C-alpha atoms as a PDB file:
ATOM      1  CA  MET A   1      85.446 294.617  -7.918  1.00  0.00           C
ATOM      2  CA  THR A   2      86.294 291.003  -7.090  1.00  0.00           C
ATOM      3  CA  ALA A   3      88.099 290.625  -3.750  1.00  0.00           C
ATOM      4  CA  ASP A   4      90.774 287.980  -3.171  1.00  0.00           C
ATOM      5  CA  SER A   5      90.881 286.622   0.376  1.00  0.00           C
ATOM      6  CA  LEU A   6      94.698 286.500   0.261  1.00  0.00           C
ATOM      7  CA  ARG A   7      95.182 290.205  -0.386  1.00  0.00           C
ATOM      8  CA  ILE A   8      95.223 291.236   3.286  1.00  0.00           C
ATOM      9  CA  LEU A   9      97.995 288.730   4.088  1.00  0.00           C
ATOM     10  CA  GLN A  10     100.594 291.039   2.540  1.00  0.00           C
ATOM     11  CA  ARG A  11     100.201 293.230   5.653  1.00  0.00           C
ATOM     12  CA  LEU A  12      99.976 290.437   8.229  1.00  0.00           C
ATOM     13  CA  ALA A  13     103.023 289.968  10.448  1.00  0.00           C
ATOM     14  CA  PRO A  14     102.137 288.409  13.835  1.00  0.00           C
ATOM     15  CA  ALA A  15     104.903 286.826  15.882  1.00  0.00           C
ATOM     16  CA  VAL A  16     105.416 283.073  15.703  1.00  0.00           C
ATOM     17  CA  PRO A  17     104.705 281.555  19.150  1.00  0.00           C
ATOM     18  CA  ASP A  18     107.783 280.024  20.765  1.00  0.00           C
ATOM     19  CA  ALA A  19     106.097 276.632  21.160  1.00  0.00           C
ATOM     20  CA  LEU A  20     105.285 276.487  17.439  1.00  0.00           C
ATOM     21  CA  ALA A  21     108.814 277.545  16.502  1.00  0.00           C
ATOM     22  CA  ARG A  22     110.229 274.723  18.632  1.00  0.00           C
ATOM     23  CA  ARG A  23     107.919 272.191  16.975  1.00  0.00           C
ATOM     24  CA  VAL A  24     108.885 273.387  13.504  1.00  0.00           C
ATOM     25  CA  GLU A  25     112.581 273.210  14.407  1.00  0.00           C
ATOM     26  CA  ALA A  26     112.147 269.608  15.554  1.00  0.00           C
ATOM     27  CA  TRP A  27     110.005 268.598  12.548  1.00  0.00           C
ATOM     28  CA  THR A  28     111.553 265.900  10.335  1.00  0.00           C
ATOM     29  CA  ALA A  29     110.693 264.279   7.020  1.00  0.00           C
ATOM     30  CA  ALA A  30     109.405 261.255   8.945  1.00  0.00           C
ATOM     31  CA  ASP A  31     106.836 263.307  10.872  1.00  0.00           C
ATOM     32  CA  ARG A  32     103.239 263.322   9.700  1.00  0.00           C
ATOM     33  CA  PRO A  33     100.742 266.050  10.579  1.00  0.00           C
ATOM     34  CA  VAL A  34      97.582 265.175  12.467  1.00  0.00           C
ATOM     35  CA  GLN A  35      94.380 265.379  10.460  1.00  0.00           C
ATOM     36  CA  ALA A  36      92.886 268.873  10.495  1.00  0.00           C
ATOM     37  CA  ALA A  37      89.339 268.792  11.863  1.00  0.00           C
ATOM     38  CA  PRO A  38      86.691 270.437   9.626  1.00  0.00           C
ATOM     39  CA  SER A  39      85.463 273.568  11.412  1.00  0.00           C
ATOM     40  CA  ALA A  40      83.505 276.751  10.879  1.00  0.00           C
ATOM     41  CA  SER A  41      83.569 280.245  12.355  1.00  0.00           C
ATOM     42  CA  VAL A  42      81.163 283.166  11.941  1.00  0.00           C
ATOM     43  CA  VAL A  43      82.145 286.836  11.828  1.00  0.00           C
ATOM     44  CA  LEU A  44      79.049 288.634  13.142  1.00  0.00           C
ATOM     45  CA  VAL A  45      78.892 292.303  12.128  1.00  0.00           C
ATOM     46  CA  ARG A  46      76.512 295.200  12.599  1.00  0.00           C
ATOM     47  CA  ASP A  47      76.362 298.973  12.073  1.00  0.00           C
ATOM     48  CA  ARG A  48      76.154 301.083  15.229  1.00  0.00           C
ATOM     49  CA  GLY A  49      77.584 304.464  14.321  1.00  0.00           C
ATOM     50  CA  GLY A  50      80.174 302.473  12.367  1.00  0.00           C
ATOM     51  CA  LEU A  51      81.023 298.844  11.780  1.00  0.00           C
ATOM     52  CA  GLU A  52      81.194 296.559  14.837  1.00  0.00           C
ATOM     53  CA  VAL A  53      82.225 292.918  15.108  1.00  0.00           C
ATOM     54  CA  TYR A  54      81.358 290.408  17.823  1.00  0.00           C
ATOM     55  CA  LEU A  55      84.437 289.006  19.575  1.00  0.00           C
ATOM     56  CA  MET A  56      84.943 286.410  22.315  1.00  0.00           C
ATOM     57  CA  GLN A  57      87.995 285.935  24.554  1.00  0.00           C
ATOM     58  CA  ARG A  58      88.540 282.277  25.368  1.00  0.00           C
ATOM     59  CA  HIS A  59      89.226 281.054  28.905  1.00  0.00           C
ATOM     60  CA  ALA A  60      92.898 280.742  29.805  1.00  0.00           C
ATOM     61  CA  ARG A  61      92.287 277.074  30.687  1.00  0.00           C
ATOM     62  CA  MET A  62      91.069 276.111  27.183  1.00  0.00           C
ATOM     63  CA  PRO A  63      93.293 273.419  25.579  1.00  0.00           C
ATOM     64  CA  PHE A  64      93.277 275.210  22.212  1.00  0.00           C
ATOM     65  CA  ALA A  65      93.970 278.947  21.797  1.00  0.00           C
ATOM     66  CA  PRO A  66      93.754 279.838  25.503  1.00  0.00           C
ATOM     67  CA  SER A  67      93.014 283.531  26.180  1.00  0.00           C
ATOM     68  CA  MET A  68      92.832 284.259  22.453  1.00  0.00           C
ATOM     69  CA  VAL A  69      90.161 286.553  21.039  1.00  0.00           C
ATOM     70  CA  VAL A  70      88.133 284.706  18.421  1.00  0.00           C
ATOM     71  CA  PHE A  71      84.841 284.659  16.533  1.00  0.00           C
ATOM     72  CA  PRO A  72      82.041 282.226  17.417  1.00  0.00           C
ATOM     73  CA  GLY A  73      82.688 278.803  15.949  1.00  0.00           C
ATOM     74  CA  GLY A  74      83.949 275.282  16.425  1.00  0.00           C
ATOM     75  CA  ARG A  75      84.513 271.898  14.838  1.00  0.00           C
ATOM     76  CA  VAL A  76      81.983 270.004  12.769  1.00  0.00           C
ATOM     77  CA  ASP A  77      79.790 267.665  14.812  1.00  0.00           C
ATOM     78  CA  ALA A  78      78.068 264.505  13.583  1.00  0.00           C
ATOM     79  CA  VAL A  79      74.692 266.273  13.727  1.00  0.00           C
ATOM     80  CA  ASP A  80      75.896 268.841  11.177  1.00  0.00           C
ATOM     81  CA  ALA A  81      76.075 266.249   8.409  1.00  0.00           C
ATOM     82  CA  ALA A  82      72.276 266.215   8.203  1.00  0.00           C
ATOM     83  CA  HIS A  83      72.005 269.939   7.452  1.00  0.00           C
ATOM     84  CA  PRO A  84      70.563 270.614   3.974  1.00  0.00           C
ATOM     85  CA  ALA A  85      73.323 273.155   3.241  1.00  0.00           C
ATOM     86  CA  GLY A  86      76.099 270.740   4.206  1.00  0.00           C
ATOM     87  CA  ALA A  87      78.109 269.983   7.320  1.00  0.00           C
ATOM     88  CA  ILE A  88      80.315 273.097   7.306  1.00  0.00           C
ATOM     89  CA  ARG A  89      77.462 275.574   6.974  1.00  0.00           C
ATOM     90  CA  GLY A  90      75.398 273.528   9.414  1.00  0.00           C
ATOM     91  CA  CYS A  91      78.280 273.751  11.881  1.00  0.00           C
ATOM     92  CA  ALA A  92      78.509 277.530  11.426  1.00  0.00           C
ATOM     93  CA  LEU A  93      74.807 277.968  12.153  1.00  0.00           C
ATOM     94  CA  ARG A  94      74.800 275.586  15.122  1.00  0.00           C
ATOM     95  CA  GLU A  95      77.924 276.989  16.767  1.00  0.00           C
ATOM     96  CA  THR A  96      76.652 280.560  16.431  1.00  0.00           C
ATOM     97  CA  LEU A  97      73.387 279.605  18.095  1.00  0.00           C
ATOM     98  CA  GLU A  98      75.069 277.595  20.876  1.00  0.00           C
ATOM     99  CA  GLU A  99      77.690 280.230  21.667  1.00  0.00           C
ATOM    100  CA  THR A 100      75.731 283.460  21.186  1.00  0.00           C
ATOM    101  CA  GLY A 101      72.020 282.633  20.997  1.00  0.00           C
ATOM    102  CA  VAL A 102      71.822 284.235  17.550  1.00  0.00           C
ATOM    103  CA  GLN A 103      69.691 282.330  15.042  1.00  0.00           C
ATOM    104  CA  LEU A 104      71.068 282.679  11.525  1.00  0.00           C
ATOM    105  CA  ALA A 105      69.734 281.292   8.266  1.00  0.00           C
ATOM    106  CA  ASP A 106      71.904 279.656   5.646  1.00  0.00           C
ATOM    107  CA  ASP A 107      71.425 282.677   3.372  1.00  0.00           C
ATOM    108  CA  ASP A 108      72.999 284.876   6.075  1.00  0.00           C
ATOM    109  CA  LEU A 109      76.373 283.138   5.710  1.00  0.00           C
ATOM    110  CA  LEU A 110      78.783 284.891   3.348  1.00  0.00           C
ATOM    111  CA  PRO A 111      82.011 282.953   2.632  1.00  0.00           C
ATOM    112  CA  TRP A 112      84.955 285.083   3.749  1.00  0.00           C
ATOM    113  CA  ALA A 113      88.138 283.063   4.399  1.00  0.00           C
ATOM    114  CA  HIS A 114      89.574 279.561   4.734  1.00  0.00           C
ATOM    115  CA  TRP A 115      92.489 278.758   7.077  1.00  0.00           C
ATOM    116  CA  ILE A 116      94.258 275.509   7.936  1.00  0.00           C
ATOM    117  CA  THR A 117      96.366 275.145  11.101  1.00  0.00           C
ATOM    118  CA  PRO A 118     100.126 274.733  10.438  1.00  0.00           C
ATOM    119  CA  GLU A 119     101.181 271.109  10.100  1.00  0.00           C
ATOM    120  CA  PRO A 120     103.423 270.733  13.191  1.00  0.00           C
ATOM    121  CA  GLU A 121     100.642 271.822  15.575  1.00  0.00           C
ATOM    122  CA  PRO A 122      99.203 268.975  17.710  1.00  0.00           C
ATOM    123  CA  ARG A 123      95.664 270.359  17.342  1.00  0.00           C
ATOM    124  CA  ARG A 124      94.719 271.261  13.788  1.00  0.00           C
ATOM    125  CA  PHE A 125      91.602 272.715  12.213  1.00  0.00           C
ATOM    126  CA  ASP A 126      90.484 273.235   8.639  1.00  0.00           C
ATOM    127  CA  THR A 127      88.244 276.252   9.189  1.00  0.00           C
ATOM    128  CA  GLU A 128      85.913 278.065   6.850  1.00  0.00           C
ATOM    129  CA  PHE A 129      85.013 281.584   7.967  1.00  0.00           C
ATOM    130  CA  PHE A 130      81.699 283.225   7.116  1.00  0.00           C
ATOM    131  CA  ALA A 131      80.667 286.834   7.548  1.00  0.00           C
ATOM    132  CA  ALA A 132      77.075 287.394   8.684  1.00  0.00           C
ATOM    133  CA  VAL A 133      75.109 290.556   9.376  1.00  0.00           C
ATOM    134  CA  LEU A 134      73.297 290.422  12.717  1.00  0.00           C
ATOM    135  CA  PRO A 135      69.588 289.802  11.957  1.00  0.00           C
ATOM    136  CA  PRO A 136      67.114 292.488  13.115  1.00  0.00           C
ATOM    137  CA  GLY A 137      65.762 292.002  16.628  1.00  0.00           C
ATOM    138  CA  GLN A 138      68.608 289.752  17.782  1.00  0.00           C
ATOM    139  CA  ASP A 139      71.643 290.423  19.941  1.00  0.00           C
ATOM    140  CA  PRO A 140      74.334 287.927  20.925  1.00  0.00           C
ATOM    141  CA  ALA A 141      74.913 286.886  24.526  1.00  0.00           C
ATOM    142  CA  ASP A 142      77.909 285.133  26.060  1.00  0.00           C
ATOM    143  CA  ILE A 143      76.397 281.681  26.621  1.00  0.00           C
ATOM    144  CA  SER A 144      79.225 279.451  25.359  1.00  0.00           C
ATOM    145  CA  GLY A 145      80.828 278.690  28.728  1.00  0.00           C
ATOM    146  CA  GLU A 146      84.196 278.905  26.964  1.00  0.00           C
ATOM    147  CA  THR A 147      84.947 282.608  27.314  1.00  0.00           C
ATOM    148  CA  ASP A 148      85.995 285.140  29.921  1.00  0.00           C
ATOM    149  CA  ARG A 149      84.282 287.972  28.100  1.00  0.00           C
ATOM    150  CA  ALA A 150      82.519 288.726  24.844  1.00  0.00           C
ATOM    151  CA  GLY A 151      80.985 291.735  23.163  1.00  0.00           C
ATOM    152  CA  TRP A 152      80.903 294.139  20.268  1.00  0.00           C
ATOM    153  CA  SER A 153      83.917 296.182  19.208  1.00  0.00           C
ATOM    154  CA  SER A 154      84.865 298.351  16.284  1.00  0.00           C
ATOM    155  CA  PRO A 155      87.626 296.675  14.269  1.00  0.00           C
ATOM    156  CA  GLU A 156      89.836 299.696  14.908  1.00  0.00           C
ATOM    157  CA  ASP A 157      89.440 299.432  18.695  1.00  0.00           C
ATOM    158  CA  ALA A 158      90.143 295.693  18.580  1.00  0.00           C
ATOM    159  CA  LEU A 159      93.328 296.211  16.576  1.00  0.00           C
ATOM    160  CA  ALA A 160      94.432 298.976  18.954  1.00  0.00           C
ATOM    161  CA  ALA A 161      93.927 296.592  21.892  1.00  0.00           C
ATOM    162  CA  VAL A 162      96.104 293.976  20.167  1.00  0.00           C
ATOM    163  CA  ARG A 163      98.843 296.569  19.593  1.00  0.00           C
ATOM    164  CA  ARG A 164      98.693 297.565  23.289  1.00  0.00           C
ATOM    165  CA  GLY A 165      98.958 293.938  24.348  1.00  0.00           C
ATOM    166  CA  ASP A 166      95.535 293.917  26.026  1.00  0.00           C
ATOM    167  CA  PHE A 167      94.752 290.633  24.279  1.00  0.00           C
ATOM    168  CA  ALA A 168      95.976 288.529  21.366  1.00  0.00           C
ATOM    169  CA  MET A 169      94.503 287.166  18.156  1.00  0.00           C
ATOM    170  CA  MET A 170      95.640 284.279  16.010  1.00  0.00           C
ATOM    171  CA  PRO A 171      96.531 285.158  12.404  1.00  0.00           C
ATOM    172  CA  PRO A 172      93.132 284.194  10.896  1.00  0.00           C
ATOM    173  CA  THR A 173      91.209 286.394  13.338  1.00  0.00           C
ATOM    174  CA  LEU A 174      93.698 289.234  13.042  1.00  0.00           C
ATOM    175  CA  SER A 175      93.633 289.250   9.256  1.00  0.00           C
ATOM    176  CA  ILE A 176      89.832 289.309   9.150  1.00  0.00           C
ATOM    177  CA  VAL A 177      89.589 292.140  11.682  1.00  0.00           C
ATOM    178  CA  MET A 178      92.159 294.089   9.647  1.00  0.00           C
ATOM    179  CA  GLU A 179      90.021 293.676   6.553  1.00  0.00           C
ATOM    180  CA  LEU A 180      86.888 294.734   8.435  1.00  0.00           C
ATOM    181  CA  ALA A 181      88.694 297.890   9.530  1.00  0.00           C
ATOM    182  CA  GLU A 182      89.219 298.707   5.866  1.00  0.00           C
ATOM    183  CA  ALA A 183      85.543 298.084   5.079  1.00  0.00           C
ATOM    184  CA  GLY A 184      84.157 300.557   7.618  1.00  0.00           C
ATOM    185  CA  ASN A 185      80.481 299.580   7.394  1.00  0.00           C
ATOM    186  CA  VAL A 186      78.174 296.643   6.753  1.00  0.00           C
ATOM    187  CA  SER A 187      77.426 297.739   3.195  1.00  0.00           C
ATOM    188  CA  ALA A 188      81.123 297.556   2.334  1.00  0.00           C
ATOM    189  CA  VAL A 189      81.370 294.090   3.919  1.00  0.00           C
ATOM    190  CA  LEU A 190      78.494 292.896   1.743  1.00  0.00           C
ATOM    191  CA  ASP A 191      80.141 294.407  -1.333  1.00  0.00           C
ATOM    192  CA  ALA A 192      83.426 292.665  -0.502  1.00  0.00           C
ATOM    193  CA  ALA A 193      81.615 289.338  -0.066  1.00  0.00           C
ATOM    194  CA  ARG A 194      80.114 289.449  -3.582  1.00  0.00           C
ATOM    195  CA  ASP A 195      82.139 287.321  -6.018  1.00  0.00           C
ATOM    196  CA  ARG A 196      84.841 286.970  -3.359  1.00  0.00           C
ATOM    197  CA  ILE A 197      87.631 284.547  -4.253  1.00  0.00           C
ATOM    198  CA  ILE A 198      88.260 282.279  -1.252  1.00  0.00           C
ATOM    199  CA  ARG A 199      91.674 280.640  -1.224  1.00  0.00           C
ATOM    200  CA  PRO A 200      92.940 278.272   1.493  1.00  0.00           C
ATOM    201  CA  VAL A 201      95.714 279.534   3.742  1.00  0.00           C
ATOM    202  CA  LEU A 202      98.110 276.950   5.170  1.00  0.00           C
ATOM    203  CA  PRO A 203     100.799 279.053   6.895  1.00  0.00           C
ATOM    204  CA  GLN A 204     104.412 277.986   6.686  1.00  0.00           C
ATOM    205  CA  VAL A 205     106.903 278.833   9.431  1.00  0.00           C
ATOM    206  CA  ILE A 206     110.408 279.584   8.181  1.00  0.00           C
ATOM    207  CA  ASN A 207     113.652 280.749   9.746  1.00  0.00           C
ATOM    208  CA  ASP A 208     114.556 284.086   8.192  1.00  0.00           C
ATOM    209  CA  HIS A 209     118.094 285.084   9.246  1.00  0.00           C
ATOM    210  CA  GLY A 210     117.632 283.640  12.717  1.00  0.00           C
ATOM    211  CA  HIS A 211     114.033 284.782  13.206  1.00  0.00           C
ATOM    212  CA  TRP A 212     111.000 282.540  12.900  1.00  0.00           C
ATOM    213  CA  VAL A 213     108.331 284.115  10.698  1.00  0.00           C
ATOM    214  CA  PHE A 214     105.081 283.060   9.071  1.00  0.00           C
ATOM    215  CA  ARG A 215     105.010 282.724   5.305  1.00  0.00           C
ATOM    216  CA  TYR A 216     101.582 283.028   3.724  1.00  0.00           C
ATOM    217  CA  PRO A 217     100.478 282.136   0.203  1.00  0.00           C
ATOM    218  CA  GLN A 218     100.050 285.023  -2.206  1.00  0.00           C
ATOM    219  CA  SER A 219      97.479 285.357  -4.957  1.00  0.00           C
ATOM    220  CA  GLY A 220      99.973 284.291  -7.628  1.00  0.00           C
ATOM    221  CA  ASP A 221     101.230 281.181  -5.849  1.00  0.00           C
ATOM    222  CA  ALA A 222     100.542 278.072  -7.902  1.00  0.00           C
ATOM    223  CA  GLU A 223     100.186 275.713  -4.947  1.00  0.00           C
ATOM    224  CA  MET A 224      98.293 278.134  -2.707  1.00  0.00           C
ATOM    225  CA  GLY A 225      99.969 277.138   0.558  1.00  0.00           C
ATOM    226  CA  SER A 226     100.077 273.388  -0.049  1.00  0.00           C
ATOM    227  CA  ARG A 227     103.879 273.099   0.244  1.00  0.00           C
ATOM    228  CA  ARG A 228     105.252 270.643   2.776  1.00  0.00           C
ATOM    229  CA  TRP A 229     107.378 271.858   5.669  1.00  0.00           C
ATOM    230  CA  ARG A 230     110.639 270.169   4.662  1.00  0.00           C
END
Protein backbone atom coordinates (compact mmCIF):
# COMPACT_ATOMS: atom_id res chain seq x y z
CA MET A 1 0.00 0.00 0.00
CA THR A 2 1.40 3.39 -1.00
CA ALA A 3 2.04 5.68 1.99
CA ASP A 4 1.56 9.45 1.81
CA SER A 5 3.98 11.43 3.98
CA LEU A 6 1.20 13.89 4.89
CA ARG A 7 -1.10 11.32 6.46
CA ILE A 8 0.40 11.54 9.96
CA LEU A 9 -0.10 15.33 10.06
CA GLN A 10 -3.81 14.87 10.76
CA ARG A 11 -2.80 13.83 14.31
CA LEU A 12 -0.05 16.40 14.84
CA ALA A 13 -0.86 19.24 17.23
CA PRO A 14 2.27 20.70 18.88
CA ALA A 15 2.05 24.14 20.47
CA VAL A 16 3.21 27.16 18.49
CA PRO A 17 6.23 28.72 20.26
CA ASP A 18 5.53 32.20 21.62
CA ALA A 19 8.43 33.72 19.68
CA LEU A 20 7.09 32.35 16.39
CA ALA A 21 3.57 33.55 17.18
CA ARG A 22 4.91 37.06 17.80
CA ARG A 23 6.79 37.03 14.49
CA VAL A 24 3.71 35.87 12.61
CA GLU A 25 1.59 38.56 14.27
CA ALA A 26 4.08 41.22 13.18
CA TRP A 27 4.46 39.83 9.63
CA THR A 28 3.32 42.20 6.87
CA ALA A 29 2.86 41.99 3.12
CA ALA A 30 6.14 43.89 2.71
CA ASP A 31 8.15 41.27 4.62
CA ARG A 32 10.11 38.69 2.67
CA PRO A 33 11.21 35.35 4.11
CA VAL A 34 14.90 34.49 4.28
CA GLN A 35 16.05 31.80 1.88
CA ALA A 36 15.64 28.31 3.33
CA ALA A 37 18.98 26.49 3.39
CA PRO A 38 18.98 23.04 1.72
CA SER A 39 19.47 20.44 4.45
CA ALA A 40 19.23 16.73 5.15
CA SER A 41 18.46 14.60 8.19
CA VAL A 42 18.72 10.84 8.72
CA VAL A 43 16.36 8.74 10.84
CA LEU A 44 18.52 5.82 11.97
CA VAL A 45 16.51 2.77 13.04
CA ARG A 46 17.23 -0.73 14.27
CA ASP A 47 15.42 -3.72 15.79
CA ARG A 48 16.35 -4.58 19.38
CA GLY A 49 13.37 -6.39 20.83
CA GLY A 50 11.30 -3.81 18.94
CA LEU A 51 11.94 -0.77 16.80
CA GLU A 52 14.45 1.81 18.10
CA VAL A 53 15.43 5.19 16.69
CA TYR A 54 18.60 7.19 17.31
CA LEU A 55 17.91 10.61 18.84
CA MET A 56 20.14 13.54 19.82
CA GLN A 57 19.34 16.39 22.22
CA ARG A 58 20.96 19.62 21.10
CA HIS A 59 22.89 21.87 23.49
CA ALA A 60 20.85 24.64 25.08
CA ARG A 61 23.36 27.17 23.69
CA MET A 62 22.78 26.20 20.03
CA PRO A 63 21.47 29.16 17.95
CA PHE A 64 18.90 26.96 16.18
CA ALA A 65 16.56 24.55 18.01
CA PRO A 66 18.32 24.73 21.39
CA SER A 67 17.62 21.73 23.67
CA MET A 68 15.43 20.12 21.01
CA VAL A 69 15.62 16.39 20.33
CA VAL A 70 16.48 15.78 16.69
CA PHE A 71 17.87 13.26 14.22
CA PRO A 72 21.43 13.50 12.87
CA GLY A 73 21.65 16.03 10.07
CA GLY A 74 22.52 19.53 8.96
CA ARG A 75 22.72 21.95 6.06
CA VAL A 76 24.26 21.21 2.69
CA ASP A 77 27.96 22.07 2.49
CA ALA A 78 29.92 22.98 -0.65
CA VAL A 79 31.68 19.59 -0.55
CA ASP A 80 28.32 17.81 -0.91
CA ALA A 81 27.83 19.10 -4.44
CA ALA A 82 30.49 16.68 -5.69
CA HIS A 83 28.67 13.59 -4.41
CA PRO A 84 27.55 11.28 -7.25
CA ALA A 85 24.06 10.97 -5.73
CA GLY A 86 23.61 14.74 -5.45
CA ALA A 87 24.16 17.37 -2.78
CA ILE A 88 21.20 16.47 -0.54
CA ARG A 89 22.02 12.78 -0.30
CA GLY A 90 25.71 13.61 0.00
CA CYS A 91 24.85 15.90 2.91
CA ALA A 92 22.80 13.16 4.60
CA LEU A 93 25.68 10.70 4.37
CA ARG A 94 28.31 13.21 5.50
CA GLU A 95 26.33 14.57 8.44
CA THR A 96 25.52 11.07 9.69
CA LEU A 97 29.19 10.15 9.61
CA GLU A 98 30.34 13.40 11.25
CA GLU A 99 27.72 13.33 14.01
CA THR A 100 27.48 9.60 14.77
CA GLY A 101 30.43 7.82 13.15
CA VAL A 102 28.03 5.63 11.17
CA GLN A 103 29.05 5.03 7.55
CA LEU A 104 26.02 4.73 5.30
CA ALA A 105 25.83 4.06 1.58
CA ASP A 106 23.56 5.94 -0.78
CA ASP A 107 21.38 2.84 -1.15
CA ASP A 108 20.74 2.92 2.62
CA LEU A 109 18.86 6.23 2.36
CA LEU A 110 15.08 5.85 2.06
CA PRO A 111 13.20 9.11 1.37
CA TRP A 112 10.74 9.70 4.21
CA ALA A 113 9.66 13.35 4.57
CA HIS A 114 10.32 16.91 3.40
CA TRP A 115 9.81 19.94 5.67
CA ILE A 116 10.40 23.65 5.15
CA THR A 117 10.73 26.07 8.09
CA PRO A 118 7.83 28.57 8.40
CA GLU A 119 8.45 31.80 6.51
CA PRO A 120 8.65 34.29 9.43
CA GLU A 121 11.47 32.36 11.13
CA PRO A 122 14.89 34.09 10.95
CA ARG A 123 16.66 30.75 10.39
CA ARG A 124 15.04 28.57 7.74
CA PHE A 125 15.83 25.14 6.37
CA ASP A 126 14.49 23.12 3.46
CA THR A 127 15.10 19.65 4.86
CA GLU A 128 14.75 16.24 3.28
CA PHE A 129 14.48 13.39 5.78
CA PHE A 130 15.71 9.88 5.03
CA ALA A 131 15.13 6.70 6.98
CA ALA A 132 18.10 4.32 7.18
CA VAL A 133 18.53 0.95 8.85
CA LEU A 134 21.69 0.78 10.95
CA PRO A 135 24.24 -1.30 8.98
CA PRO A 136 25.49 -4.53 10.63
CA GLY A 137 28.56 -4.11 12.81
CA GLN A 138 28.09 -0.37 13.35
CA ASP A 139 26.76 1.61 16.29
CA PRO A 140 26.42 5.39 16.52
CA ALA A 141 28.39 7.45 19.03
CA ASP A 142 27.80 11.01 20.18
CA ILE A 143 30.69 12.74 18.39
CA SER A 144 28.93 15.82 17.00
CA GLY A 145 29.91 18.26 19.75
CA GLU A 146 26.43 19.77 19.39
CA THR A 147 24.47 17.62 21.83
CA ASP A 148 24.01 17.10 25.55
CA ARG A 149 23.05 13.48 25.10
CA ALA A 150 22.25 10.97 22.38
CA GLY A 151 21.16 7.37 22.19
CA TRP A 152 18.62 4.80 21.11
CA SER A 153 14.99 4.93 22.17
CA SER A 154 11.79 3.18 21.23
CA PRO A 155 9.44 5.63 19.51
CA GLU A 156 6.87 4.97 22.23
CA ASP A 157 9.30 5.90 25.02
CA ALA A 158 10.35 9.05 23.16
CA LEU A 159 6.75 10.16 22.72
CA ALA A 160 6.03 9.44 26.39
CA ALA A 161 9.00 11.63 27.35
CA VAL A 162 7.63 14.47 25.20
CA ARG A 163 4.21 14.15 26.87
CA ARG A 164 5.88 14.29 30.32
CA GLY A 165 7.82 17.38 29.34
CA ASP A 166 11.21 15.68 29.72
CA PHE A 167 12.26 17.13 26.37
CA ALA A 168 10.72 18.69 23.26
CA MET A 169 10.66 17.93 19.56
CA MET A 170 9.93 20.20 16.63
CA PRO A 171 6.97 19.18 14.45
CA PRO A 172 9.04 17.35 11.78
CA THR A 173 10.79 15.17 14.36
CA LEU A 174 7.60 14.58 16.31
CA SER A 175 5.61 13.54 13.26
CA ILE A 176 8.28 11.08 12.14
CA VAL A 177 8.59 9.51 15.60
CA MET A 178 4.79 9.17 15.71
CA GLU A 179 4.86 7.33 12.41
CA LEU A 180 7.68 5.07 13.60
CA ALA A 181 5.59 4.18 16.64
CA GLU A 182 2.89 2.96 14.28
CA ALA A 183 5.40 0.90 12.29
CA GLY A 184 6.70 -1.13 15.24
CA ASN A 185 9.66 -2.79 13.51
CA VAL A 186 12.26 -2.26 10.80
CA SER A 187 10.42 -4.45 8.32
CA ALA A 188 7.36 -2.21 8.56
CA VAL A 189 9.53 0.89 8.08
CA LEU A 190 10.97 -0.61 4.90
CA ASP A 191 7.47 -1.48 3.69
CA ALA A 192 6.29 2.08 4.36
CA ALA A 193 9.27 3.49 2.45
CA ARG A 194 8.43 1.55 -0.73
CA ASP A 195 6.57 3.75 -3.24
CA ARG A 196 6.20 6.40 -0.53
CA ILE A 197 4.74 9.70 -1.74
CA ILE A 198 6.88 12.53 -0.35
CA ARG A 199 5.13 15.89 -0.23
CA PRO A 200 6.70 19.13 1.06
CA VAL A 201 5.35 20.54 4.31
CA LEU A 202 5.50 24.31 4.77
CA PRO A 203 3.57 24.91 8.01
CA GLN A 204 1.30 27.91 8.30
CA VAL A 205 0.60 29.57 11.65
CA ILE A 206 -2.93 30.91 12.02
CA ASN A 207 -4.95 32.50 14.80
CA ASP A 208 -7.88 30.23 15.56
CA HIS A 209 -10.31 32.00 17.92
CA GLY A 210 -7.49 33.66 19.82
CA HIS A 211 -5.11 30.69 19.80
CA TRP A 212 -2.11 30.34 17.53
CA VAL A 213 -2.04 26.93 15.84
CA PHE A 214 -0.10 25.24 13.07
CA ARG A 215 -1.93 24.46 9.85
CA TYR A 216 -0.42 21.67 7.78
CA PRO A 217 -1.13 20.71 4.17
CA GLN A 218 -3.36 17.70 3.64
CA SER A 219 -3.12 15.13 0.88
CA GLY A 220 -5.90 16.78 -1.12
CA ASP A 221 -4.50 20.31 -0.98
CA ALA A 222 -3.76 21.62 -4.46
CA GLU A 223 -0.90 23.89 -3.42
CA MET A 224 0.63 21.51 -0.88
CA GLY A 225 1.60 24.14 1.68
CA SER A 226 2.82 26.80 -0.74
CA ARG A 227 0.34 29.48 0.40
CA ARG A 228 1.77 32.80 1.53
CA TRP A 229 1.26 34.00 5.09
CA ARG A 230 -0.91 37.03 4.31
